[in-house]
Amino acid sequence: MARLVGRGKAKQLIFTGEMIDANEAHRIGLVDEVYPAEELMNKAMEMAKNILSKAPVAVSAAKECINRGLDVDLAAGCDFEKASFGNIYGTTDSAEGMKAFLEKRKAEFRGK
C-alpha cells in the first residue's frame, strides 16, 4: 500500500483502520478506476479484451519488468528492461506488430 499511496497515507489508514470510499481510494491512488456497480463488469471485460488484443509476449514481459523493477534499484530495473526489450525484439509477434502498424491493420499476435 505504501508504494501506491505513500508512506504517510498508508500508515494513517493502517494504524487508524479508517474506512475510505471508492472516490477517496481513487484520489489517493489506491485504485485506478471507479465505476458504478452496474458498469463494473462491462468495464472490467473491456479492459481485459484490450489487454488480450496486445502481444502476449510483450504483456508478459512488461508485467515481469514492473514486478521485478519494484524490488531493485533504478539502474538494475533499467538493465532488466533493456534485456527484456532485446529478447522481445526478435520475436514473431514483434515483427507482426511492426508489419501491421506499417500496413495500418490490426496485428494478429501468436504469442511467439
PDB file of N, CA and C in Angstrom:
ATOM      1  N   MET A   1       0.819  -1.181   0.000  1.00  0.00           N
ATOM      2  CA  MET A   1       0.000   0.000   0.000  1.00  0.00           C
ATOM      3  C   MET A   1       0.868   1.252   0.000  1.00  0.00           C
ATOM      4  N   ALA A   2       1.968   1.226   0.746  1.00  0.00           N
ATOM      5  CA  ALA A   2       2.824   2.410   0.832  1.00  0.00           C
ATOM      6  C   ALA A   2       3.370   2.806  -0.536  1.00  0.00           C
ATOM      7  N   ARG A   3       3.624   1.841  -1.394  1.00  0.00           N
ATOM      8  CA  ARG A   3       4.105   2.161  -2.740  1.00  0.00           C
ATOM      9  C   ARG A   3       3.029   2.829  -3.576  1.00  0.00           C
ATOM     10  N   LEU A   4       1.794   2.561  -3.285  1.00  0.00           N
ATOM     11  CA  LEU A   4       0.705   3.156  -4.048  1.00  0.00           C
ATOM     12  C   LEU A   4       0.297   4.529  -3.528  1.00  0.00           C
ATOM     13  N   VAL A   5       0.189   4.654  -2.221  1.00  0.00           N
ATOM     14  CA  VAL A   5      -0.378   5.886  -1.649  1.00  0.00           C
ATOM     15  C   VAL A   5       0.621   6.718  -0.867  1.00  0.00           C
ATOM     16  N   GLY A   6       1.822   6.212  -0.697  1.00  0.00           N
ATOM     17  CA  GLY A   6       2.818   6.932   0.096  1.00  0.00           C
ATOM     18  C   GLY A   6       2.858   6.411   1.518  1.00  0.00           C
ATOM     19  N   ARG A   7       4.006   6.597   2.125  1.00  0.00           N
ATOM     20  CA  ARG A   7       4.245   6.086   3.470  1.00  0.00           C
ATOM     21  C   ARG A   7       3.283   6.675   4.488  1.00  0.00           C
ATOM     22  N   GLY A   8       3.115   7.988   4.455  1.00  0.00           N
ATOM     23  CA  GLY A   8       2.279   8.642   5.458  1.00  0.00           C
ATOM     24  C   GLY A   8       0.818   8.223   5.374  1.00  0.00           C
ATOM     25  N   LYS A   9       0.263   8.209   4.161  1.00  0.00           N
ATOM     26  CA  LYS A   9      -1.145   7.842   3.998  1.00  0.00           C
ATOM     27  C   LYS A   9      -1.351   6.372   4.339  1.00  0.00           C
ATOM     28  N   ALA A  10      -0.408   5.523   3.962  1.00  0.00           N
ATOM     29  CA  ALA A  10      -0.517   4.096   4.302  1.00  0.00           C
ATOM     30  C   ALA A  10      -0.533   3.912   5.815  1.00  0.00           C
ATOM     31  N   LYS A  11       0.359   4.605   6.519  1.00  0.00           N
ATOM     32  CA  LYS A  11       0.384   4.499   7.981  1.00  0.00           C
ATOM     33  C   LYS A  11      -0.923   4.986   8.582  1.00  0.00           C
ATOM     34  N   GLN A  12      -1.416   6.115   8.095  1.00  0.00           N
ATOM     35  CA  GLN A  12      -2.670   6.652   8.617  1.00  0.00           C
ATOM     36  C   GLN A  12      -3.798   5.644   8.466  1.00  0.00           C
ATOM     37  N   LEU A  13      -3.957   5.081   7.290  1.00  0.00           N
ATOM     38  CA  LEU A  13      -5.060   4.153   7.050  1.00  0.00           C
ATOM     39  C   LEU A  13      -4.891   2.855   7.838  1.00  0.00           C
ATOM     40  N   ILE A  14      -3.680   2.344   7.888  1.00  0.00           N
ATOM     41  CA  ILE A  14      -3.451   1.075   8.584  1.00  0.00           C
ATOM     42  C   ILE A  14      -3.523   1.237  10.099  1.00  0.00           C
ATOM     43  N   PHE A  15      -2.888   2.274  10.634  1.00  0.00           N
ATOM     44  CA  PHE A  15      -2.884   2.472  12.089  1.00  0.00           C
ATOM     45  C   PHE A  15      -4.262   2.823  12.638  1.00  0.00           C
ATOM     46  N   THR A  16      -5.034   3.589  11.887  1.00  0.00           N
ATOM     47  CA  THR A  16      -6.340   4.022  12.385  1.00  0.00           C
ATOM     48  C   THR A  16      -7.473   3.073  12.005  1.00  0.00           C
ATOM     49  N   GLY A  17      -7.256   2.258  10.968  1.00  0.00           N
ATOM     50  CA  GLY A  17      -8.341   1.398  10.489  1.00  0.00           C
ATOM     51  C   GLY A  17      -9.426   2.187   9.796  1.00  0.00           C
ATOM     52  N   GLU A  18      -9.118   3.425   9.456  1.00  0.00           N
ATOM     53  CA  GLU A  18     -10.076   4.322   8.810  1.00  0.00           C
ATOM     54  C   GLU A  18     -10.601   3.713   7.510  1.00  0.00           C
ATOM     55  N   MET A  19     -11.908   3.781   7.336  1.00  0.00           N
ATOM     56  CA  MET A  19     -12.541   3.320   6.101  1.00  0.00           C
ATOM     57  C   MET A  19     -12.622   4.501   5.136  1.00  0.00           C
ATOM     58  N   ILE A  20     -12.338   4.250   3.876  1.00  0.00           N
ATOM     59  CA  ILE A  20     -12.469   5.293   2.862  1.00  0.00           C
ATOM     60  C   ILE A  20     -13.383   4.782   1.761  1.00  0.00           C
ATOM     61  N   ASP A  21     -14.037   5.716   1.078  1.00  0.00           N
ATOM     62  CA  ASP A  21     -14.918   5.299  -0.009  1.00  0.00           C
ATOM     63  C   ASP A  21     -14.127   5.175  -1.315  1.00  0.00           C
ATOM     64  N   ALA A  22     -14.802   4.714  -2.345  1.00  0.00           N
ATOM     65  CA  ALA A  22     -14.144   4.462  -3.631  1.00  0.00           C
ATOM     66  C   ALA A  22     -13.543   5.726  -4.215  1.00  0.00           C
ATOM     67  N   ASN A  23     -14.219   6.844  -4.082  1.00  0.00           N
ATOM     68  CA  ASN A  23     -13.694   8.088  -4.650  1.00  0.00           C
ATOM     69  C   ASN A  23     -12.406   8.527  -3.956  1.00  0.00           C
ATOM     70  N   GLU A  24     -12.336   8.348  -2.650  1.00  0.00           N
ATOM     71  CA  GLU A  24     -11.114   8.693  -1.918  1.00  0.00           C
ATOM     72  C   GLU A  24     -10.000   7.715  -2.290  1.00  0.00           C
ATOM     73  N   ALA A  25     -10.334   6.437  -2.421  1.00  0.00           N
ATOM     74  CA  ALA A  25      -9.333   5.451  -2.829  1.00  0.00           C
ATOM     75  C   ALA A  25      -8.763   5.807  -4.201  1.00  0.00           C
ATOM     76  N   HIS A  26      -9.606   6.295  -5.072  1.00  0.00           N
ATOM     77  CA  HIS A  26      -9.154   6.724  -6.403  1.00  0.00           C
ATOM     78  C   HIS A  26      -8.291   7.978  -6.294  1.00  0.00           C
ATOM     79  N   ARG A  27      -8.718   8.920  -5.502  1.00  0.00           N
ATOM     80  CA  ARG A  27      -7.989  10.180  -5.349  1.00  0.00           C
ATOM     81  C   ARG A  27      -6.566   9.964  -4.839  1.00  0.00           C
ATOM     82  N   ILE A  28      -6.394   9.035  -3.910  1.00  0.00           N
ATOM     83  CA  ILE A  28      -5.061   8.818  -3.335  1.00  0.00           C
ATOM     84  C   ILE A  28      -4.237   7.797  -4.118  1.00  0.00           C
ATOM     85  N   GLY A  29      -4.815   7.211  -5.165  1.00  0.00           N
ATOM     86  CA  GLY A  29      -4.066   6.282  -5.997  1.00  0.00           C
ATOM     87  C   GLY A  29      -4.106   4.835  -5.555  1.00  0.00           C
ATOM     88  N   LEU A  30      -5.020   4.511  -4.654  1.00  0.00           N
ATOM     89  CA  LEU A  30      -5.138   3.130  -4.190  1.00  0.00           C
ATOM     90  C   LEU A  30      -5.834   2.261  -5.230  1.00  0.00           C
ATOM     91  N   VAL A  31      -6.740   2.847  -5.984  1.00  0.00           N
ATOM     92  CA  VAL A  31      -7.399   2.160  -7.104  1.00  0.00           C
ATOM     93  C   VAL A  31      -7.239   3.016  -8.352  1.00  0.00           C
ATOM     94  N   ASP A  32      -7.276   2.376  -9.504  1.00  0.00           N
ATOM     95  CA  ASP A  32      -7.061   3.085 -10.762  1.00  0.00           C
ATOM     96  C   ASP A  32      -8.332   3.670 -11.352  1.00  0.00           C
ATOM     97  N   GLU A  33      -9.434   2.998 -11.179  1.00  0.00           N
ATOM     98  CA  GLU A  33     -10.699   3.433 -11.761  1.00  0.00           C
ATOM     99  C   GLU A  33     -11.829   3.189 -10.763  1.00  0.00           C
ATOM    100  N   VAL A  34     -12.886   3.973 -10.895  1.00  0.00           N
ATOM    101  CA  VAL A  34     -14.090   3.780 -10.082  1.00  0.00           C
ATOM    102  C   VAL A  34     -15.292   3.841 -11.020  1.00  0.00           C
ATOM    103  N   TYR A  35     -16.153   2.834 -10.938  1.00  0.00           N
ATOM    104  CA  TYR A  35     -17.345   2.768 -11.775  1.00  0.00           C
ATOM    105  C   TYR A  35     -18.547   2.409 -10.916  1.00  0.00           C
ATOM    106  N   PRO A  36     -19.736   2.814 -11.350  1.00  0.00           N
ATOM    107  CA  PRO A  36     -20.944   2.339 -10.667  1.00  0.00           C
ATOM    108  C   PRO A  36     -21.017   0.820 -10.767  1.00  0.00           C
ATOM    109  N   ALA A  37     -21.600   0.175  -9.773  1.00  0.00           N
ATOM    110  CA  ALA A  37     -21.650  -1.290  -9.712  1.00  0.00           C
ATOM    111  C   ALA A  37     -22.202  -1.906 -10.990  1.00  0.00           C
ATOM    112  N   GLU A  38     -23.223  -1.264 -11.568  1.00  0.00           N
ATOM    113  CA  GLU A  38     -23.847  -1.845 -12.761  1.00  0.00           C
ATOM    114  C   GLU A  38     -22.950  -1.771 -14.009  1.00  0.00           C
ATOM    115  N   GLU A  39     -21.902  -0.938 -13.978  1.00  0.00           N
ATOM    116  CA  GLU A  39     -20.977  -0.829 -15.114  1.00  0.00           C
ATOM    117  C   GLU A  39     -19.682  -1.607 -14.899  1.00  0.00           C
ATOM    118  N   LEU A  40     -19.438  -2.032 -13.675  1.00  0.00           N
ATOM    119  CA  LEU A  40     -18.142  -2.598 -13.311  1.00  0.00           C
ATOM    120  C   LEU A  40     -17.736  -3.793 -14.170  1.00  0.00           C
ATOM    121  N   MET A  41     -18.600  -4.788 -14.330  1.00  0.00           N
ATOM    122  CA  MET A  41     -18.228  -5.988 -15.084  1.00  0.00           C
ATOM    123  C   MET A  41     -17.952  -5.652 -16.543  1.00  0.00           C
ATOM    124  N   ASN A  42     -18.765  -4.789 -17.136  1.00  0.00           N
ATOM    125  CA  ASN A  42     -18.528  -4.413 -18.536  1.00  0.00           C
ATOM    126  C   ASN A  42     -17.198  -3.691 -18.692  1.00  0.00           C
ATOM    127  N   LYS A  43     -16.885  -2.805 -17.767  1.00  0.00           N
ATOM    128  CA  LYS A  43     -15.614  -2.070 -17.827  1.00  0.00           C
ATOM    129  C   LYS A  43     -14.434  -3.019 -17.639  1.00  0.00           C
ATOM    130  N   ALA A  44     -14.571  -3.968 -16.716  1.00  0.00           N
ATOM    131  CA  ALA A  44     -13.502  -4.945 -16.500  1.00  0.00           C
ATOM    132  C   ALA A  44     -13.296  -5.804 -17.743  1.00  0.00           C
ATOM    133  N   MET A  45     -14.381  -6.203 -18.381  1.00  0.00           N
ATOM    134  CA  MET A  45     -14.274  -7.004 -19.603  1.00  0.00           C
ATOM    135  C   MET A  45     -13.657  -6.193 -20.747  1.00  0.00           C
ATOM    136  N   GLU A  46     -13.999  -4.918 -20.841  1.00  0.00           N
ATOM    137  CA  GLU A  46     -13.389  -4.058 -21.858  1.00  0.00           C
ATOM    138  C   GLU A  46     -11.870  -3.996 -21.670  1.00  0.00           C
ATOM    139  N   MET A  47     -11.450  -3.813 -20.434  1.00  0.00           N
ATOM    140  CA  MET A  47     -10.015  -3.745 -20.166  1.00  0.00           C
ATOM    141  C   MET A  47      -9.347  -5.081 -20.479  1.00  0.00           C
ATOM    142  N   ALA A  48      -9.974  -6.175 -20.082  1.00  0.00           N
ATOM    143  CA  ALA A  48      -9.402  -7.497 -20.352  1.00  0.00           C
ATOM    144  C   ALA A  48      -9.274  -7.729 -21.853  1.00  0.00           C
ATOM    145  N   LYS A  49     -10.294  -7.364 -22.618  1.00  0.00           N
ATOM    146  CA  LYS A  49     -10.232  -7.526 -24.078  1.00  0.00           C
ATOM    147  C   LYS A  49      -9.142  -6.650 -24.678  1.00  0.00           C
ATOM    148  N   ASN A  50      -8.986  -5.463 -24.155  1.00  0.00           N
ATOM    149  CA  ASN A  50      -7.935  -4.569 -24.634  1.00  0.00           C
ATOM    150  C   ASN A  50      -6.560  -5.199 -24.391  1.00  0.00           C
ATOM    151  N   ILE A  51      -6.334  -5.703 -23.189  1.00  0.00           N
ATOM    152  CA  ILE A  51      -5.053  -6.340 -22.872  1.00  0.00           C
ATOM    153  C   ILE A  51      -4.837  -7.572 -23.744  1.00  0.00           C
ATOM    154  N   LEU A  52      -5.890  -8.361 -23.929  1.00  0.00           N
ATOM    155  CA  LEU A  52      -5.778  -9.572 -24.744  1.00  0.00           C
ATOM    156  C   LEU A  52      -5.485  -9.274 -26.207  1.00  0.00           C
ATOM    157  N   SER A  53      -5.776  -8.060 -26.654  1.00  0.00           N
ATOM    158  CA  SER A  53      -5.507  -7.701 -28.046  1.00  0.00           C
ATOM    159  C   SER A  53      -4.038  -7.372 -28.284  1.00  0.00           C
ATOM    160  N   LYS A  54      -3.274  -7.250 -27.224  1.00  0.00           N
ATOM    161  CA  LYS A  54      -1.842  -6.918 -27.306  1.00  0.00           C
ATOM    162  C   LYS A  54      -1.020  -8.193 -27.425  1.00  0.00           C
ATOM    163  N   ALA A  55       0.231  -8.040 -27.820  1.00  0.00           N
ATOM    164  CA  ALA A  55       1.123  -9.188 -27.965  1.00  0.00           C
ATOM    165  C   ALA A  55       1.346  -9.842 -26.602  1.00  0.00           C
ATOM    166  N   PRO A  56       0.991 -11.118 -26.461  1.00  0.00           N
ATOM    167  CA  PRO A  56       1.149 -11.793 -25.166  1.00  0.00           C
ATOM    168  C   PRO A  56       2.584 -11.772 -24.647  1.00  0.00           C
ATOM    169  N   VAL A  57       3.545 -11.914 -25.532  1.00  0.00           N
ATOM    170  CA  VAL A  57       4.949 -11.909 -25.114  1.00  0.00           C
ATOM    171  C   VAL A  57       5.302 -10.558 -24.500  1.00  0.00           C
ATOM    172  N   ALA A  58       4.835  -9.478 -25.120  1.00  0.00           N
ATOM    173  CA  ALA A  58       5.138  -8.135 -24.619  1.00  0.00           C
ATOM    174  C   ALA A  58       4.415  -7.853 -23.305  1.00  0.00           C
ATOM    175  N   VAL A  59       3.165  -8.254 -23.199  1.00  0.00           N
ATOM    176  CA  VAL A  59       2.408  -8.036 -21.962  1.00  0.00           C
ATOM    177  C   VAL A  59       3.066  -8.793 -20.809  1.00  0.00           C
ATOM    178  N   SER A  60       3.452 -10.019 -21.064  1.00  0.00           N
ATOM    179  CA  SER A  60       4.116 -10.823 -20.039  1.00  0.00           C
ATOM    180  C   SER A  60       5.437 -10.189 -19.606  1.00  0.00           C
ATOM    181  N   ALA A  61       6.211  -9.732 -20.577  1.00  0.00           N
ATOM    182  CA  ALA A  61       7.499  -9.100 -20.256  1.00  0.00           C
ATOM    183  C   ALA A  61       7.292  -7.802 -19.486  1.00  0.00           C
ATOM    184  N   ALA A  62       6.294  -7.017 -19.879  1.00  0.00           N
ATOM    185  CA  ALA A  62       6.022  -5.770 -19.174  1.00  0.00           C
ATOM    186  C   ALA A  62       5.630  -6.038 -17.728  1.00  0.00           C
ATOM    187  N   LYS A  63       4.808  -7.053 -17.528  1.00  0.00           N
ATOM    188  CA  LYS A  63       4.399  -7.422 -16.165  1.00  0.00           C
ATOM    189  C   LYS A  63       5.612  -7.812 -15.330  1.00  0.00           C
ATOM    190  N   GLU A  64       6.491  -8.608 -15.927  1.00  0.00           N
ATOM    191  CA  GLU A  64       7.685  -9.032 -15.193  1.00  0.00           C
ATOM    192  C   GLU A  64       8.600  -7.848 -14.900  1.00  0.00           C
ATOM    193  N   CYS A  65       8.754  -6.939 -15.859  1.00  0.00           N
ATOM    194  CA  CYS A  65       9.598  -5.756 -15.642  1.00  0.00           C
ATOM    195  C   CYS A  65       9.060  -4.900 -14.504  1.00  0.00           C
ATOM    196  N   ILE A  66       7.757  -4.694 -14.482  1.00  0.00           N
ATOM    197  CA  ILE A  66       7.151  -3.889 -13.421  1.00  0.00           C
ATOM    198  C   ILE A  66       7.344  -4.568 -12.073  1.00  0.00           C
ATOM    199  N   ASN A  67       7.014  -5.847 -12.003  1.00  0.00           N
ATOM    200  CA  ASN A  67       7.120  -6.567 -10.729  1.00  0.00           C
ATOM    201  C   ASN A  67       8.557  -6.639 -10.226  1.00  0.00           C
ATOM    202  N   ARG A  68       9.495  -6.961 -11.099  1.00  0.00           N
ATOM    203  CA  ARG A  68      10.895  -7.064 -10.675  1.00  0.00           C
ATOM    204  C   ARG A  68      11.489  -5.688 -10.417  1.00  0.00           C
ATOM    205  N   GLY A  69      11.070  -4.703 -11.199  1.00  0.00           N
ATOM    206  CA  GLY A  69      11.614  -3.362 -11.050  1.00  0.00           C
ATOM    207  C   GLY A  69      11.308  -2.731  -9.715  1.00  0.00           C
ATOM    208  N   LEU A  70      10.225  -3.131  -9.104  1.00  0.00           N
ATOM    209  CA  LEU A  70       9.872  -2.597  -7.791  1.00  0.00           C
ATOM    210  C   LEU A  70      10.768  -3.134  -6.684  1.00  0.00           C
ATOM    211  N   ASP A  71      11.483  -4.222  -6.967  1.00  0.00           N
ATOM    212  CA  ASP A  71      12.308  -4.862  -5.942  1.00  0.00           C
ATOM    213  C   ASP A  71      13.788  -4.527  -6.045  1.00  0.00           C
ATOM    214  N   VAL A  72      14.170  -3.711  -7.029  1.00  0.00           N
ATOM    215  CA  VAL A  72      15.583  -3.395  -7.245  1.00  0.00           C
ATOM    216  C   VAL A  72      15.758  -1.886  -7.413  1.00  0.00           C
ATOM    217  N   ASP A  73      17.011  -1.446  -7.436  1.00  0.00           N
ATOM    218  CA  ASP A  73      17.248  -0.025  -7.654  1.00  0.00           C
ATOM    219  C   ASP A  73      16.973   0.334  -9.122  1.00  0.00           C
ATOM    220  N   LEU A  74      16.945   1.631  -9.407  1.00  0.00           N
ATOM    221  CA  LEU A  74      16.574   2.111 -10.731  1.00  0.00           C
ATOM    222  C   LEU A  74      17.489   1.564 -11.821  1.00  0.00           C
ATOM    223  N   ALA A  75      18.795   1.567 -11.587  1.00  0.00           N
ATOM    224  CA  ALA A  75      19.740   1.094 -12.600  1.00  0.00           C
ATOM    225  C   ALA A  75      19.500  -0.377 -12.937  1.00  0.00           C
ATOM    226  N   ALA A  76      19.296  -1.195 -11.924  1.00  0.00           N
ATOM    227  CA  ALA A  76      19.042  -2.619 -12.152  1.00  0.00           C
ATOM    228  C   ALA A  76      17.714  -2.819 -12.881  1.00  0.00           C
ATOM    229  N   GLY A  77      16.719  -2.036 -12.513  1.00  0.00           N
ATOM    230  CA  GLY A  77      15.428  -2.119 -13.190  1.00  0.00           C
ATOM    231  C   GLY A  77      15.546  -1.749 -14.660  1.00  0.00           C
ATOM    232  N   CYS A  78      16.294  -0.698 -14.952  1.00  0.00           N
ATOM    233  CA  CYS A  78      16.501  -0.285 -16.346  1.00  0.00           C
ATOM    234  C   CYS A  78      17.273  -1.346 -17.118  1.00  0.00           C
ATOM    235  N   ASP A  79      18.263  -1.951 -16.485  1.00  0.00           N
ATOM    236  CA  ASP A  79      19.019  -3.021 -17.134  1.00  0.00           C
ATOM    237  C   ASP A  79      18.110  -4.199 -17.474  1.00  0.00           C
ATOM    238  N   PHE A  80      17.234  -4.547 -16.551  1.00  0.00           N
ATOM    239  CA  PHE A  80      16.308  -5.647 -16.805  1.00  0.00           C
ATOM    240  C   PHE A  80      15.372  -5.301 -17.966  1.00  0.00           C
ATOM    241  N   GLU A  81      14.882  -4.056 -17.999  1.00  0.00           N
ATOM    242  CA  GLU A  81      14.003  -3.630 -19.093  1.00  0.00           C
ATOM    243  C   GLU A  81      14.724  -3.681 -20.441  1.00  0.00           C
ATOM    244  N   LYS A  82      15.981  -3.231 -20.468  1.00  0.00           N
ATOM    245  CA  LYS A  82      16.754  -3.280 -21.719  1.00  0.00           C
ATOM    246  C   LYS A  82      16.912  -4.715 -22.200  1.00  0.00           C
ATOM    247  N   ALA A  83      17.245  -5.606 -21.305  1.00  0.00           N
ATOM    248  CA  ALA A  83      17.412  -7.009 -21.672  1.00  0.00           C
ATOM    249  C   ALA A  83      16.093  -7.601 -22.160  1.00  0.00           C
ATOM    250  N   SER A  84      15.021  -7.248 -21.489  1.00  0.00           N
ATOM    251  CA  SER A  84      13.704  -7.744 -21.873  1.00  0.00           C
ATOM    252  C   SER A  84      13.329  -7.254 -23.266  1.00  0.00           C
ATOM    253  N   PHE A  85      13.587  -5.973 -23.541  1.00  0.00           N
ATOM    254  CA  PHE A  85      13.305  -5.422 -24.866  1.00  0.00           C
ATOM    255  C   PHE A  85      14.096  -6.174 -25.935  1.00  0.00           C
ATOM    256  N   GLY A  86      15.359  -6.441 -25.645  1.00  0.00           N
ATOM    257  CA  GLY A  86      16.188  -7.183 -26.591  1.00  0.00           C
ATOM    258  C   GLY A  86      15.631  -8.564 -26.874  1.00  0.00           C
ATOM    259  N   ASN A  87      15.127  -9.221 -25.849  1.00  0.00           N
ATOM    260  CA  ASN A  87      14.545 -10.554 -26.018  1.00  0.00           C
ATOM    261  C   ASN A  87      13.264 -10.516 -26.841  1.00  0.00           C
ATOM    262  N   ILE A  88      12.467  -9.488 -26.650  1.00  0.00           N
ATOM    263  CA  ILE A  88      11.190  -9.377 -27.352  1.00  0.00           C
ATOM    264  C   ILE A  88      11.385  -8.959 -28.805  1.00  0.00           C
ATOM    265  N   TYR A  89      12.381  -8.133 -29.049  1.00  0.00           N
ATOM    266  CA  TYR A  89      12.563  -7.548 -30.377  1.00  0.00           C
ATOM    267  C   TYR A  89      12.657  -8.606 -31.473  1.00  0.00           C
ATOM    268  N   GLY A  90      13.233  -9.748 -31.193  1.00  0.00           N
ATOM    269  CA  GLY A  90      13.406 -10.781 -32.201  1.00  0.00           C
ATOM    270  C   GLY A  90      12.252 -11.756 -32.319  1.00  0.00           C
ATOM    271  N   THR A  91      11.140 -11.507 -31.651  1.00  0.00           N
ATOM    272  CA  THR A  91      10.027 -12.455 -31.682  1.00  0.00           C
ATOM    273  C   THR A  91       9.170 -12.274 -32.929  1.00  0.00           C
ATOM    274  N   THR A  92       8.424 -13.314 -33.230  1.00  0.00           N
ATOM    275  CA  THR A  92       7.474 -13.277 -34.341  1.00  0.00           C
ATOM    276  C   THR A  92       6.415 -12.198 -34.096  1.00  0.00           C
ATOM    277  N   ASP A  93       5.954 -12.088 -32.856  1.00  0.00           N
ATOM    278  CA  ASP A  93       4.948 -11.078 -32.528  1.00  0.00           C
ATOM    279  C   ASP A  93       5.473  -9.668 -32.751  1.00  0.00           C
ATOM    280  N   SER A  94       6.735  -9.432 -32.452  1.00  0.00           N
ATOM    281  CA  SER A  94       7.320  -8.104 -32.671  1.00  0.00           C
ATOM    282  C   SER A  94       7.291  -7.753 -34.151  1.00  0.00           C
ATOM    283  N   ALA A  95       7.709  -8.690 -34.981  1.00  0.00           N
ATOM    284  CA  ALA A  95       7.692  -8.453 -36.432  1.00  0.00           C
ATOM    285  C   ALA A  95       6.273  -8.240 -36.927  1.00  0.00           C
ATOM    286  N   GLU A  96       5.326  -9.028 -36.408  1.00  0.00           N
ATOM    287  CA  GLU A  96       3.921  -8.882 -36.805  1.00  0.00           C
ATOM    288  C   GLU A  96       3.381  -7.523 -36.387  1.00  0.00           C
ATOM    289  N   GLY A  97       3.723  -7.070 -35.194  1.00  0.00           N
ATOM    290  CA  GLY A  97       3.253  -5.761 -34.730  1.00  0.00           C
ATOM    291  C   GLY A  97       3.759  -4.631 -35.607  1.00  0.00           C
ATOM    292  N   MET A  98       5.026  -4.672 -35.952  1.00  0.00           N
ATOM    293  CA  MET A  98       5.592  -3.621 -36.812  1.00  0.00           C
ATOM    294  C   MET A  98       4.982  -3.670 -38.212  1.00  0.00           C
ATOM    295  N   LYS A  99       4.824  -4.877 -38.739  1.00  0.00           N
ATOM    296  CA  LYS A  99       4.239  -5.041 -40.075  1.00  0.00           C
ATOM    297  C   LYS A  99       2.796  -4.536 -40.092  1.00  0.00           C
ATOM    298  N   ALA A 100       2.031  -4.916 -39.089  1.00  0.00           N
ATOM    299  CA  ALA A 100       0.631  -4.481 -39.002  1.00  0.00           C
ATOM    300  C   ALA A 100       0.541  -2.963 -38.897  1.00  0.00           C
ATOM    301  N   PHE A 101       1.434  -2.374 -38.125  1.00  0.00           N
ATOM    302  CA  PHE A 101       1.447  -0.916 -37.978  1.00  0.00           C
ATOM    303  C   PHE A 101       1.692  -0.259 -39.335  1.00  0.00           C
ATOM    304  N   LEU A 102       2.689  -0.731 -40.045  1.00  0.00           N
ATOM    305  CA  LEU A 102       3.023  -0.143 -41.347  1.00  0.00           C
ATOM    306  C   LEU A 102       1.912  -0.352 -42.373  1.00  0.00           C
ATOM    307  N   GLU A 103       1.220  -1.479 -42.255  1.00  0.00           N
ATOM    308  CA  GLU A 103       0.123  -1.788 -43.179  1.00  0.00           C
ATOM    309  C   GLU A 103      -1.209  -1.233 -42.692  1.00  0.00           C
ATOM    310  N   LYS A 104      -1.187  -0.527 -41.563  1.00  0.00           N
ATOM    311  CA  LYS A 104      -2.382   0.093 -40.970  1.00  0.00           C
ATOM    312  C   LYS A 104      -3.522  -0.926 -40.786  1.00  0.00           C
ATOM    313  N   ARG A 105      -3.172  -2.045 -40.181  1.00  0.00           N
ATOM    314  CA  ARG A 105      -4.154  -3.086 -39.901  1.00  0.00           C
ATOM    315  C   ARG A 105      -3.950  -3.597 -38.475  1.00  0.00           C
ATOM    316  N   LYS A 106      -4.925  -4.348 -38.007  1.00  0.00           N
ATOM    317  CA  LYS A 106      -4.836  -4.927 -36.667  1.00  0.00           C
ATOM    318  C   LYS A 106      -3.856  -6.098 -36.689  1.00  0.00           C
ATOM    319  N   ALA A 107      -2.975  -6.125 -35.729  1.00  0.00           N
ATOM    320  CA  ALA A 107      -1.990  -7.209 -35.635  1.00  0.00           C
ATOM    321  C   ALA A 107      -2.655  -8.507 -35.209  1.00  0.00           C
ATOM    322  N   GLU A 108      -2.117  -9.596 -35.678  1.00  0.00           N
ATOM    323  CA  GLU A 108      -2.581 -10.921 -35.290  1.00  0.00           C
ATOM    324  C   GLU A 108      -1.439 -11.624 -34.549  1.00  0.00           C
ATOM    325  N   PHE A 109      -1.418 -11.429 -33.251  1.00  0.00           N
ATOM    326  CA  PHE A 109      -0.342 -11.973 -32.423  1.00  0.00           C
ATOM    327  C   PHE A 109      -0.553 -13.452 -32.149  1.00  0.00           C
ATOM    328  N   ARG A 110       0.557 -14.180 -32.049  1.00  0.00           N
ATOM    329  CA  ARG A 110       0.523 -15.624 -31.840  1.00  0.00           C
ATOM    330  C   ARG A 110       1.164 -16.041 -30.518  1.00  0.00           C
ATOM    331  N   GLY A 111       1.719 -15.094 -29.798  1.00  0.00           N
ATOM    332  CA  GLY A 111       2.369 -15.423 -28.527  1.00  0.00           C
ATOM    333  C   GLY A 111       3.737 -16.041 -28.713  1.00  0.00           C
ATOM    334  N   LYS A 112       4.362 -15.731 -29.848  1.00  0.00           N
ATOM    335  CA  LYS A 112       5.691 -16.293 -30.138  1.00  0.00           C
ATOM    336  C   LYS A 112       6.665 -15.192 -30.501  1.00  0.00           C
TER     337      LYS A 112
END
